[in-house]
């Protein structure tokens, strides 16, 4: 398993509660914040649900 870097690029204001909780679960609070996660199906599914709010890079 590789690693991915997830960066929050847009605000969660006026987003659904589910999307806000997904961002929290990923560890993202502020715009521009970067977190690193394992490249697992669970994490990729979470990223897919908020792909319009984040950017993803291979680490």
N, C-alpha and C. Protein backbone atom coordinates (compact mmCIF):
# COMPACT_ATOMS: atom_id res chain seq x y z
N UNK A 1 0.83 -1.18 0.00
CA UNK A 1 0.00 0.00 0.00
C UNK A 1 0.88 1.25 0.00
N UNK A 2 0.53 2.17 -0.88
CA UNK A 2 1.23 3.44 -0.92
C UNK A 2 0.57 4.45 0.00
N UNK A 3 1.04 5.66 -0.11
CA UNK A 3 0.46 6.75 0.68
C UNK A 3 -0.04 7.82 -0.27
N UNK A 4 -1.05 8.56 0.19
CA UNK A 4 -1.57 9.69 -0.57
C UNK A 4 -1.59 10.92 0.33
N UNK A 5 -1.42 12.08 -0.29
CA UNK A 5 -1.53 13.36 0.42
C UNK A 5 -2.84 14.00 0.00
N UNK A 6 -3.66 14.34 0.98
CA UNK A 6 -4.95 14.96 0.73
C UNK A 6 -4.89 16.39 1.23
N UNK A 7 -5.24 17.34 0.37
CA UNK A 7 -5.21 18.76 0.70
C UNK A 7 -6.61 19.33 0.58
N UNK A 8 -7.05 20.05 1.60
CA UNK A 8 -8.35 20.71 1.54
C UNK A 8 -8.19 22.00 0.75
N UNK A 9 -8.97 22.17 -0.32
CA UNK A 9 -8.82 23.33 -1.18
C UNK A 9 -10.06 24.22 -1.20
N UNK A 10 -11.19 23.73 -0.71
CA UNK A 10 -12.42 24.53 -0.68
C UNK A 10 -13.07 24.43 0.68
N UNK A 11 -13.90 25.43 0.97
CA UNK A 11 -14.58 25.50 2.26
C UNK A 11 -15.72 24.49 2.34
N UNK A 12 -16.06 24.10 3.56
CA UNK A 12 -17.17 23.18 3.80
C UNK A 12 -18.46 23.93 4.15
N UNK A 13 -18.42 25.25 4.08
CA UNK A 13 -19.62 26.04 4.36
C UNK A 13 -20.67 25.72 3.29
N UNK A 14 -21.90 25.59 3.71
CA UNK A 14 -23.04 25.25 2.85
C UNK A 14 -22.90 23.86 2.22
N UNK A 15 -22.18 22.98 2.87
CA UNK A 15 -22.10 21.58 2.43
C UNK A 15 -22.92 20.74 3.39
N UNK A 16 -23.24 19.52 2.98
CA UNK A 16 -24.06 18.67 3.82
C UNK A 16 -23.28 18.24 5.06
N UNK A 17 -24.01 17.87 6.09
CA UNK A 17 -23.38 17.42 7.33
C UNK A 17 -22.51 16.20 7.07
N UNK A 18 -22.93 15.34 6.17
CA UNK A 18 -22.17 14.14 5.83
C UNK A 18 -20.81 14.50 5.25
N UNK A 19 -20.77 15.49 4.36
CA UNK A 19 -19.51 15.91 3.77
C UNK A 19 -18.60 16.55 4.81
N UNK A 20 -19.17 17.35 5.71
CA UNK A 20 -18.38 17.97 6.78
C UNK A 20 -17.77 16.91 7.67
N UNK A 21 -18.54 15.88 8.01
CA UNK A 21 -18.02 14.81 8.87
C UNK A 21 -16.96 13.99 8.16
N UNK A 22 -17.11 13.82 6.86
CA UNK A 22 -16.09 13.09 6.10
C UNK A 22 -14.77 13.84 6.12
N UNK A 23 -14.83 15.17 5.96
CA UNK A 23 -13.60 15.97 6.03
C UNK A 23 -12.97 15.86 7.41
N UNK A 24 -13.79 15.90 8.46
CA UNK A 24 -13.27 15.74 9.83
C UNK A 24 -12.61 14.38 10.01
N UNK A 25 -13.24 13.35 9.47
CA UNK A 25 -12.70 11.99 9.60
C UNK A 25 -11.36 11.86 8.88
N UNK A 26 -11.20 12.61 7.81
CA UNK A 26 -9.92 12.61 7.10
C UNK A 26 -8.87 13.44 7.83
N UNK A 27 -9.29 14.23 8.81
CA UNK A 27 -8.35 15.04 9.58
C UNK A 27 -8.15 16.42 9.01
N UNK A 28 -9.08 16.88 8.16
CA UNK A 28 -8.95 18.18 7.51
C UNK A 28 -9.84 19.20 8.19
N UNK A 29 -9.23 20.31 8.65
CA UNK A 29 -9.98 21.36 9.32
C UNK A 29 -9.89 22.68 8.58
N UNK A 30 -8.70 23.04 8.12
CA UNK A 30 -8.49 24.34 7.49
C UNK A 30 -8.16 24.19 6.00
N UNK A 31 -8.51 25.22 5.24
CA UNK A 31 -8.16 25.23 3.83
C UNK A 31 -6.64 25.30 3.72
N UNK A 32 -6.09 24.48 2.86
CA UNK A 32 -4.64 24.43 2.68
C UNK A 32 -3.97 23.37 3.54
N UNK A 33 -4.70 22.80 4.47
CA UNK A 33 -4.13 21.77 5.35
C UNK A 33 -3.90 20.49 4.55
N UNK A 34 -2.78 19.84 4.82
CA UNK A 34 -2.41 18.60 4.12
C UNK A 34 -2.29 17.48 5.15
N UNK A 35 -2.91 16.34 4.84
CA UNK A 35 -2.77 15.15 5.67
C UNK A 35 -2.32 13.99 4.79
N UNK A 36 -1.63 13.05 5.39
CA UNK A 36 -1.14 11.89 4.65
C UNK A 36 -1.84 10.64 5.19
N UNK A 37 -2.34 9.82 4.28
CA UNK A 37 -3.05 8.59 4.64
C UNK A 37 -2.55 7.43 3.82
N UNK A 38 -2.78 6.23 4.32
CA UNK A 38 -2.51 5.02 3.55
C UNK A 38 -3.49 4.96 2.38
N UNK A 39 -3.08 4.36 1.30
CA UNK A 39 -3.90 4.25 0.10
C UNK A 39 -4.79 3.00 0.22
N UNK A 40 -5.82 3.07 1.09
CA UNK A 40 -6.72 1.95 1.32
C UNK A 40 -8.07 2.23 0.67
N UNK A 41 -8.87 1.20 0.42
CA UNK A 41 -10.20 1.42 -0.15
C UNK A 41 -11.09 2.31 0.72
N UNK A 42 -10.96 2.22 2.05
CA UNK A 42 -11.77 3.07 2.93
C UNK A 42 -11.44 4.54 2.72
N UNK A 43 -10.17 4.86 2.70
CA UNK A 43 -9.74 6.25 2.54
C UNK A 43 -10.10 6.75 1.14
N UNK A 44 -9.90 5.93 0.13
CA UNK A 44 -10.22 6.35 -1.23
C UNK A 44 -11.72 6.60 -1.39
N UNK A 45 -12.55 5.83 -0.72
CA UNK A 45 -13.99 6.04 -0.75
C UNK A 45 -14.36 7.36 -0.10
N UNK A 46 -13.72 7.68 1.02
CA UNK A 46 -13.98 8.95 1.70
C UNK A 46 -13.56 10.12 0.83
N UNK A 47 -12.42 10.00 0.19
CA UNK A 47 -11.93 11.06 -0.69
C UNK A 47 -12.87 11.24 -1.88
N UNK A 48 -13.41 10.15 -2.40
CA UNK A 48 -14.32 10.23 -3.54
C UNK A 48 -15.59 11.00 -3.19
N UNK A 49 -16.04 10.91 -1.95
CA UNK A 49 -17.26 11.60 -1.53
C UNK A 49 -17.06 13.11 -1.41
N UNK A 50 -15.82 13.55 -1.22
CA UNK A 50 -15.55 14.99 -1.09
C UNK A 50 -14.49 15.45 -2.11
N UNK A 51 -14.45 14.80 -3.26
CA UNK A 51 -13.41 15.10 -4.24
C UNK A 51 -13.49 16.53 -4.78
N UNK A 52 -14.66 17.16 -4.66
CA UNK A 52 -14.82 18.54 -5.12
C UNK A 52 -14.28 19.54 -4.11
N UNK A 53 -13.90 19.08 -2.91
CA UNK A 53 -13.38 19.95 -1.86
C UNK A 53 -11.90 19.73 -1.59
N UNK A 54 -11.32 18.66 -2.13
CA UNK A 54 -9.94 18.30 -1.82
C UNK A 54 -9.17 18.04 -3.12
N UNK A 55 -7.84 18.02 -2.98
CA UNK A 55 -6.98 17.55 -4.06
C UNK A 55 -6.13 16.41 -3.50
N UNK A 56 -5.77 15.47 -4.36
CA UNK A 56 -5.07 14.26 -3.93
C UNK A 56 -3.81 14.09 -4.74
N UNK A 57 -2.71 13.73 -4.05
CA UNK A 57 -1.44 13.45 -4.72
C UNK A 57 -0.87 12.17 -4.16
N UNK A 58 -0.14 11.44 -4.99
CA UNK A 58 0.59 10.28 -4.50
C UNK A 58 1.78 10.76 -3.70
N UNK A 59 2.06 10.08 -2.59
CA UNK A 59 3.17 10.50 -1.73
C UNK A 59 4.36 9.59 -1.94
